Amino acid sequence: MNDLDLIIETLDNNQRIDIDQALLLFQKADLLTLADLASQKRFFHHPERIITYVVDRNINYTNICMSGCRFCAFFKSPEQGDGYVISKQDLSAKIQETIDLGGTQILLQGGMNPGLDLDYYIDLLSFIKANFDIHIHGFSPPEIGFIAQNAALSVKQTISILRQAGLASIPGGGAEILCDDVRRQVSPNKCTSEQWLEVMRQAHLQGMRSSATMMFGHLEKQIHLFEHMDKIRRLQDETKGFTAFIPWTFQSANTKISVKPKTSVEYLKVLAISRLFLDNIDNIQASWVTQGDKIAQTALFFGANDMGSTMIEENVVASAGVNFMLPKEELIRLIATAGFEPRQRDCYYNLL
C-alpha cells in the first residue's frame, strides 16, 4: 500500500491527517478522489441534503486604513485624504434595506483607521442595537487588535466592551495565511498569526462564535495552506468557537501583488482538503464571490455545505476587479438544480 492509499484509509477510518499528509493529498490525489472523500466527510457531518445560505450585507464603515496590505485594492491611507467614515444616515438606510430584503445580519468591517477611538465603536454598535433588530457580525481580529492597542486595553477587555455594546459574533477576516513569513510580505503592518488567533481565543472564551477564513493564491507556498489549517484546527480543539471555514482565492487586479490567478481546480482541491483536515469544524463555505456561480455550485460536491451570503453589498473583492453578484433567488436556484435543498440560516447555522 503506498502513502496515498494509507492516507485515504486513515480518512475512511475517520482518523486525523497531519500537515504532511494533507500536502501529499494536494499534490498526488486526483480531483475526483478528493471530491469523493470530501463528500463522504460532508455527509458524515451533515447527513441531510441541505445547503444553507444567509441573507446579509457587507457594510464597510470606513475605508481609511494604515495597514497598507499589498493585496487590498479597497483601502485609502490616512494621508490620502479621500477616504470616508460612514454617516449614521447612510448606515441606517443600508441596514433598513437589508431587513426589508429578509436579511438577518450585517457584516460590519472597515480599516485600521487611526482617527476612530473605542468610543466611536461603542457608539456605532449602540446606535445599531437601539434602532434595529439585527445580528451584528463584525470587526475582524486585526481591527479588534488595533482598537485594543489604541485604547491601551487588553484584547479580552476590548472584546468584552464591544460585546456589551452589541457585537454578537466575529468574522474570520484578516487571516490571509496564518504564517508570519508570508504575512510579513503581504500585510506587514497587520497583526501576527498569534495575535489573530488570540483575538479569536478570547472571543470564544467569552461565549462568542466566529468564522475562520483563508485567502490563498498570493505569495504562500503549498505547505503554508496546511500550516494555516492546522492552527485553526488546534484552536478549535481548544475552544470549539468556530462555526465555519471559508477558503477563497486572492484577486490580484488593482493590487500590488502580481501573480497568476489560481485555477478553479486548485480552489476545489483546497476546499476539499479543508473539509478533510478540519474534522472539528462543521461547516465549509463555498466562495461564489471569488469563483462565480458555476464553480460555487461544483464546490457543493467537494465538501461545501454552505453557500455563504447573498451579499446585498460587497466592496472589497469588487475593488480587485471581481464583480459576481447573486440575488437570493439565483442562489436558491443554483442549490436546487445541484440536487440539494436550499435553506436560509442565521449566523450560528440555525435553520430559519
Protein backbone atom coordinates (compact mmCIF):
# COMPACT_ATOMS: atom_id res chain seq x y z
CA MET A 1 0.00 0.00 0.00
CA ASN A 2 1.50 3.37 -0.97
CA ASP A 3 1.45 6.57 1.09
CA LEU A 4 -1.61 7.95 -0.69
CA ASP A 5 -3.60 4.76 -0.07
CA LEU A 6 -2.62 4.89 3.62
CA ILE A 7 -3.92 8.48 3.88
CA ILE A 8 -7.19 7.52 2.20
CA GLU A 9 -7.55 4.58 4.60
CA THR A 10 -6.89 6.94 7.53
CA LEU A 11 -9.68 9.23 6.32
CA ASP A 12 -12.04 6.30 5.69
CA ASN A 13 -11.50 5.30 9.32
CA ASN A 14 -12.41 8.84 10.44
CA GLN A 15 -8.91 9.44 11.78
CA ARG A 16 -6.99 12.70 11.57
CA ILE A 17 -4.46 13.54 8.91
CA ASP A 18 -1.48 15.78 9.62
CA ILE A 19 0.08 18.66 7.67
CA ASP A 20 2.40 16.44 5.61
CA GLN A 21 -0.42 14.05 4.71
CA ALA A 22 -2.62 16.97 3.63
CA LEU A 23 0.21 18.27 1.43
CA LEU A 24 0.65 14.83 -0.15
CA LEU A 25 -3.10 14.64 -0.82
CA PHE A 26 -2.96 18.03 -2.51
CA GLN A 27 -0.01 17.05 -4.67
CA LYS A 28 -0.87 13.43 -5.53
CA ALA A 29 -4.61 12.75 -5.24
CA ASP A 30 -6.68 13.23 -8.37
CA LEU A 31 -9.57 15.68 -8.35
CA LEU A 32 -12.39 13.12 -8.33
CA THR A 33 -10.82 11.19 -5.45
CA LEU A 34 -10.73 14.40 -3.41
CA ALA A 35 -14.34 15.15 -4.33
CA ASP A 36 -15.41 11.68 -3.22
CA LEU A 37 -13.51 11.82 0.08
CA ALA A 38 -14.74 15.34 0.88
CA SER A 39 -18.36 14.48 0.04
CA GLN A 40 -18.21 11.45 2.33
CA LYS A 41 -16.92 13.65 5.15
CA ARG A 42 -19.55 16.31 4.43
CA PHE A 43 -22.37 13.76 4.68
CA PHE A 44 -20.80 12.37 7.87
CA HIS A 45 -21.23 15.84 9.42
CA HIS A 46 -24.50 16.66 7.62
CA PRO A 47 -26.43 13.52 6.54
CA GLU A 48 -29.30 15.60 5.11
CA ARG A 49 -29.08 17.09 1.59
CA ILE A 50 -29.44 20.67 2.85
CA ILE A 51 -27.29 23.55 1.65
CA THR A 52 -27.55 26.69 3.74
CA TYR A 53 -27.17 30.38 2.94
CA VAL A 54 -27.55 33.63 4.87
CA VAL A 55 -29.13 36.91 3.76
CA ASP A 56 -26.88 39.73 4.87
CA ARG A 57 -24.94 42.76 3.77
CA ASN A 58 -21.30 43.77 3.99
CA ILE A 59 -21.13 47.27 5.42
CA ASN A 60 -17.68 48.84 5.29
CA TYR A 61 -17.94 51.61 7.89
CA THR A 62 -14.62 53.15 6.80
CA ASN A 63 -12.05 52.57 4.06
CA ILE A 64 -9.31 54.56 5.79
CA CYS A 65 -6.62 52.10 6.82
CA MET A 66 -2.99 52.34 7.87
CA SER A 67 -2.28 48.65 7.32
CA GLY A 68 -1.28 49.11 3.67
CA CYS A 69 -1.78 45.44 2.75
CA ARG A 70 -0.34 44.75 -0.69
CA PHE A 71 -3.33 42.60 -1.66
CA CYS A 72 -6.01 45.23 -0.91
CA ALA A 73 -7.43 47.49 -3.60
CA PHE A 74 -10.11 48.99 -1.33
CA PHE A 75 -8.27 50.98 1.34
CA LYS A 76 -7.23 54.65 1.40
CA SER A 77 -4.28 55.64 3.57
CA PRO A 78 -4.93 58.37 6.20
CA GLU A 79 -2.59 60.71 4.27
CA GLN A 80 -4.58 60.45 1.02
CA GLY A 81 -7.43 62.48 2.43
CA ASP A 82 -10.12 60.93 0.21
CA GLY A 83 -11.30 58.12 2.48
CA TYR A 84 -14.64 58.02 4.29
CA VAL A 85 -16.33 57.15 7.57
CA ILE A 86 -19.97 56.15 7.10
CA SER A 87 -22.67 58.55 8.30
CA LYS A 88 -25.45 57.29 10.57
CA GLN A 89 -27.94 58.24 7.85
CA ASP A 90 -26.22 56.03 5.25
CA LEU A 91 -25.72 53.25 7.81
CA SER A 92 -29.42 53.31 8.72
CA ALA A 93 -30.51 53.19 5.07
CA LYS A 94 -28.26 50.19 4.38
CA ILE A 95 -29.48 48.27 7.45
CA GLN A 96 -33.15 49.02 6.74
CA GLU A 97 -32.78 47.83 3.14
CA THR A 98 -31.14 44.62 4.41
CA ILE A 99 -34.05 43.96 6.79
CA ASP A 100 -36.57 44.73 4.02
CA LEU A 101 -34.86 42.10 1.84
CA GLY A 102 -35.21 39.46 4.56
CA GLY A 103 -31.71 39.92 5.96
CA THR A 104 -30.91 38.70 9.46
CA GLN A 105 -27.41 40.08 9.96
CA ILE A 106 -24.89 42.67 8.85
CA LEU A 107 -21.18 42.09 8.38
CA LEU A 108 -19.55 45.24 9.72
CA GLN A 109 -15.93 45.66 8.67
CA GLY A 110 -13.59 48.54 7.98
CA GLY A 111 -9.96 49.55 8.02
CA MET A 112 -7.50 50.21 10.80
CA ASN A 113 -8.45 53.87 11.00
CA PRO A 114 -6.30 55.86 13.47
CA GLY A 115 -8.96 58.57 13.61
CA LEU A 116 -11.52 56.29 15.32
CA ASP A 117 -11.28 55.56 19.05
CA LEU A 118 -13.05 52.98 21.21
CA ASP A 119 -15.90 55.43 21.93
CA TYR A 120 -16.65 55.55 18.19
CA TYR A 121 -17.14 51.78 18.09
CA ILE A 122 -19.26 51.73 21.26
CA ASP A 123 -21.46 54.48 19.80
CA LEU A 124 -21.70 52.72 16.41
CA LEU A 125 -22.82 49.42 17.97
CA SER A 126 -25.16 51.07 20.47
CA PHE A 127 -26.81 53.09 17.70
CA ILE A 128 -27.47 49.95 15.63
CA LYS A 129 -28.84 47.96 18.58
CA ALA A 130 -31.10 50.85 19.66
CA ASN A 131 -32.63 51.24 16.22
CA PHE A 132 -32.61 47.81 14.54
CA ASP A 133 -33.29 44.19 15.44
CA ILE A 134 -30.37 42.64 13.55
CA HIS A 135 -27.37 40.43 14.33
CA ILE A 136 -24.04 42.29 14.21
CA HIS A 137 -21.23 40.09 12.85
CA GLY A 138 -18.34 42.50 12.93
CA PHE A 139 -14.74 43.63 13.31
CA SER A 140 -12.15 41.10 12.21
CA PRO A 141 -9.22 40.28 14.55
CA PRO A 142 -6.86 42.91 13.05
CA GLU A 143 -9.48 45.60 13.73
CA ILE A 144 -10.09 44.41 17.29
CA GLY A 145 -6.35 44.23 17.97
CA PHE A 146 -5.95 47.76 16.61
CA ILE A 147 -8.86 49.12 18.69
CA ALA A 148 -7.40 47.48 21.82
CA GLN A 149 -3.92 48.85 21.16
CA ASN A 150 -5.22 52.40 20.64
CA ALA A 151 -7.34 52.21 23.80
CA ALA A 152 -4.42 50.77 25.81
CA LEU A 153 -6.63 47.85 26.83
CA SER A 154 -6.19 44.11 26.60
CA VAL A 155 -7.88 42.21 23.77
CA LYS A 156 -10.02 40.47 26.40
CA GLN A 157 -11.25 43.80 27.85
CA THR A 158 -11.88 45.27 24.40
CA ILE A 159 -13.97 42.32 23.26
CA SER A 160 -15.98 42.47 26.48
CA ILE A 161 -16.74 46.18 25.93
CA LEU A 162 -17.68 45.67 22.25
CA ARG A 163 -19.86 42.72 23.19
CA GLN A 164 -21.72 44.73 25.83
CA ALA A 165 -22.31 47.45 23.22
CA GLY A 166 -23.92 44.97 20.82
CA LEU A 167 -21.30 42.98 18.92
CA ALA A 168 -22.63 39.42 18.56
CA SER A 169 -20.00 37.46 16.58
CA ILE A 170 -16.69 37.96 14.80
CA PRO A 171 -15.86 37.34 11.13
CA GLY A 172 -12.71 35.45 10.24
CA GLY A 173 -11.26 38.19 8.03
CA GLY A 174 -7.67 39.35 8.16
CA ALA A 175 -6.33 35.81 8.49
CA GLU A 176 -4.94 35.66 4.95
CA ILE A 177 -2.32 32.97 5.64
CA LEU A 178 -1.55 32.41 9.33
CA CYS A 179 2.20 32.06 8.77
CA ASP A 180 4.25 35.10 9.70
CA ASP A 181 6.86 34.70 6.97
CA VAL A 182 4.02 35.16 4.44
CA ARG A 183 2.26 37.89 6.45
CA ARG A 184 5.44 39.99 6.58
CA GLN A 185 5.41 40.05 2.78
CA VAL A 186 1.72 40.70 2.09
CA SER A 187 0.47 42.61 5.16
CA PRO A 188 3.49 43.84 7.15
CA ASN A 189 1.52 46.25 9.37
CA LYS A 190 -1.25 43.83 10.29
CA CYS A 191 -1.44 41.60 13.37
CA THR A 192 0.71 38.47 13.61
CA SER A 193 -0.71 34.96 13.30
CA GLU A 194 -0.62 34.52 17.06
CA GLN A 195 -2.40 37.85 17.64
CA TRP A 196 -5.15 36.83 15.18
CA LEU A 197 -5.59 33.52 16.98
CA GLU A 198 -5.57 35.23 20.39
CA VAL A 199 -8.44 37.57 19.43
CA MET A 200 -10.46 34.52 18.39
CA ARG A 201 -9.47 32.62 21.54
CA GLN A 202 -10.60 35.48 23.81
CA ALA A 203 -13.87 35.92 21.91
CA HIS A 204 -14.61 32.19 22.14
CA LEU A 205 -13.81 32.17 25.88
CA GLN A 206 -16.44 34.91 26.33
CA GLY A 207 -19.03 32.73 24.61
CA MET A 208 -18.87 34.40 21.19
CA ARG A 209 -18.68 32.46 17.95
CA SER A 210 -16.64 33.31 14.87
CA SER A 211 -15.81 32.11 11.40
CA ALA A 212 -12.34 31.39 10.03
CA THR A 213 -11.06 32.23 6.55
CA MET A 214 -8.03 31.60 4.39
CA MET A 215 -7.08 33.78 1.43
CA PHE A 216 -4.64 31.88 -0.77
CA GLY A 217 -3.04 32.22 -4.16
CA HIS A 218 -0.65 35.10 -3.48
CA LEU A 219 2.85 34.64 -2.01
CA GLU A 220 2.37 31.48 0.06
CA LYS A 221 3.85 28.06 -0.65
CA GLN A 222 1.67 24.92 -0.65
CA ILE A 223 2.81 23.86 2.82
CA HIS A 224 1.56 27.17 4.26
CA LEU A 225 -2.05 26.24 3.36
CA PHE A 226 -1.95 23.29 5.72
CA GLU A 227 0.06 25.03 8.43
CA HIS A 228 -2.76 27.62 8.40
CA MET A 229 -5.45 24.93 8.68
CA ASP A 230 -3.50 23.24 11.48
CA LYS A 231 -3.51 26.44 13.57
CA ILE A 232 -7.26 26.80 13.06
CA ARG A 233 -7.83 23.14 13.97
CA ARG A 234 -5.72 23.41 17.15
CA LEU A 235 -7.65 26.45 18.36
CA GLN A 236 -10.95 24.75 17.55
CA ASP A 237 -9.88 21.74 19.63
CA GLU A 238 -9.29 24.18 22.49
CA THR A 239 -12.38 26.43 22.25
CA LYS A 240 -14.99 24.91 19.87
CA GLY A 241 -15.78 28.51 18.85
CA PHE A 242 -15.52 28.43 15.05
CA THR A 243 -18.78 27.99 13.16
CA ALA A 244 -17.32 27.69 9.65
CA PHE A 245 -14.21 27.75 7.47
CA ILE A 246 -14.14 29.77 4.25
CA PRO A 247 -11.19 29.40 1.86
CA TRP A 248 -11.08 31.87 -1.03
CA THR A 249 -8.67 32.88 -3.74
CA PHE A 250 -6.70 36.11 -3.91
CA GLN A 251 -7.90 38.53 -6.59
CA SER A 252 -4.92 40.44 -7.97
CA ALA A 253 -6.38 43.25 -10.12
CA ASN A 254 -5.60 46.76 -8.80
CA THR A 255 -3.34 45.34 -6.05
CA LYS A 256 0.43 45.46 -5.51
CA ILE A 257 0.90 41.70 -5.92
CA SER A 258 1.21 40.41 -9.44
CA VAL A 259 0.68 36.65 -9.61
CA LYS A 260 -1.01 34.21 -11.94
CA PRO A 261 -4.53 33.57 -10.60
CA LYS A 262 -5.30 30.20 -9.05
CA THR A 263 -7.38 27.91 -11.25
CA SER A 264 -10.80 26.61 -10.29
CA VAL A 265 -9.26 23.15 -9.95
CA GLU A 266 -6.76 24.43 -7.36
CA TYR A 267 -9.59 26.15 -5.48
CA LEU A 268 -11.68 22.96 -5.41
CA LYS A 269 -8.71 20.89 -4.20
CA VAL A 270 -8.03 23.28 -1.32
CA LEU A 271 -11.74 23.36 -0.46
CA ALA A 272 -11.95 19.55 -0.42
CA ILE A 273 -8.85 19.16 1.75
CA SER A 274 -10.13 21.79 4.18
CA ARG A 275 -13.21 19.58 4.70
CA LEU A 276 -10.96 16.56 5.29
CA PHE A 277 -8.41 18.29 7.51
CA LEU A 278 -10.76 20.42 9.63
CA ASP A 279 -12.64 17.49 11.14
CA ASN A 280 -13.77 19.63 14.09
CA ILE A 281 -15.42 22.43 12.07
CA ASP A 282 -18.95 21.56 10.95
CA ASN A 283 -19.43 23.98 8.09
CA ILE A 284 -17.33 24.61 4.98
CA GLN A 285 -18.42 27.52 2.81
CA ALA A 286 -18.19 27.88 -0.96
CA SER A 287 -16.96 31.24 -2.26
CA TRP A 288 -19.16 32.31 -5.15
CA VAL A 289 -17.90 35.89 -4.66
CA THR A 290 -14.45 34.93 -5.96
CA GLN A 291 -15.30 31.83 -8.02
CA GLY A 292 -18.60 32.68 -9.69
CA ASP A 293 -21.80 30.67 -9.68
CA LYS A 294 -20.81 27.52 -11.60
CA ILE A 295 -17.69 26.74 -9.55
CA ALA A 296 -19.53 27.55 -6.32
CA GLN A 297 -22.18 25.04 -7.41
CA THR A 298 -19.45 22.48 -8.15
CA ALA A 299 -18.00 23.15 -4.68
CA LEU A 300 -21.12 21.53 -3.21
CA PHE A 301 -19.67 18.21 -4.45
CA PHE A 302 -16.24 18.98 -2.91
CA GLY A 303 -17.27 19.17 0.74
CA ALA A 304 -19.03 22.54 0.99
CA ASN A 305 -22.41 22.55 2.76
CA ASP A 306 -22.96 26.31 2.77
CA MET A 307 -23.20 28.94 0.04
CA GLY A 308 -22.42 31.84 2.34
CA SER A 309 -24.15 35.15 1.93
CA THR A 310 -26.42 36.63 -0.70
CA MET A 311 -24.22 39.71 -0.17
CA ILE A 312 -26.56 42.57 -0.87
CA GLU A 313 -23.39 44.68 -0.94
CA GLU A 314 -19.71 43.80 -1.29
CA ASN A 315 -16.90 46.32 -1.86
CA VAL A 316 -13.52 44.80 -1.07
CA VAL A 317 -13.37 41.97 -3.62
CA ALA A 318 -15.15 44.22 -6.13
CA SER A 319 -12.29 46.73 -5.75
CA ALA A 320 -9.97 43.99 -7.03
CA GLY A 321 -11.95 43.73 -10.23
CA VAL A 322 -14.28 40.81 -9.43
CA ASN A 323 -17.98 41.54 -9.66
CA PHE A 324 -20.03 38.36 -9.31
CA MET A 325 -23.46 39.24 -7.91
CA LEU A 326 -26.10 36.66 -6.97
CA PRO A 327 -29.59 37.63 -5.84
CA LYS A 328 -31.22 35.35 -3.28
CA GLU A 329 -33.48 33.71 -5.90
CA GLU A 330 -30.47 32.79 -8.06
CA LEU A 331 -28.60 31.34 -5.07
CA ILE A 332 -31.65 29.19 -4.26
CA ARG A 333 -31.88 28.05 -7.90
CA LEU A 334 -28.19 27.07 -8.00
CA ILE A 335 -28.55 24.96 -4.86
CA ALA A 336 -31.76 23.30 -6.04
CA THR A 337 -30.52 22.48 -9.56
CA ALA A 338 -27.46 20.82 -7.98
CA GLY A 339 -29.87 18.44 -6.25
CA PHE A 340 -29.86 19.94 -2.75
CA GLU A 341 -32.46 21.61 -0.55
CA PRO A 342 -31.76 25.35 -0.07
CA ARG A 343 -32.37 26.64 3.47
CA GLN A 344 -31.82 30.10 4.90
CA ARG A 345 -29.83 30.15 8.16
CA ASP A 346 -28.67 32.56 10.80
CA CYS A 347 -25.09 33.35 11.84
CA TYR A 348 -24.98 30.26 14.10
CA TYR A 349 -26.15 27.93 11.32
CA ASN A 350 -29.61 27.52 12.81
CA LEU A 351 -32.16 26.92 10.03
CA LEU A 352 -34.76 29.69 9.76
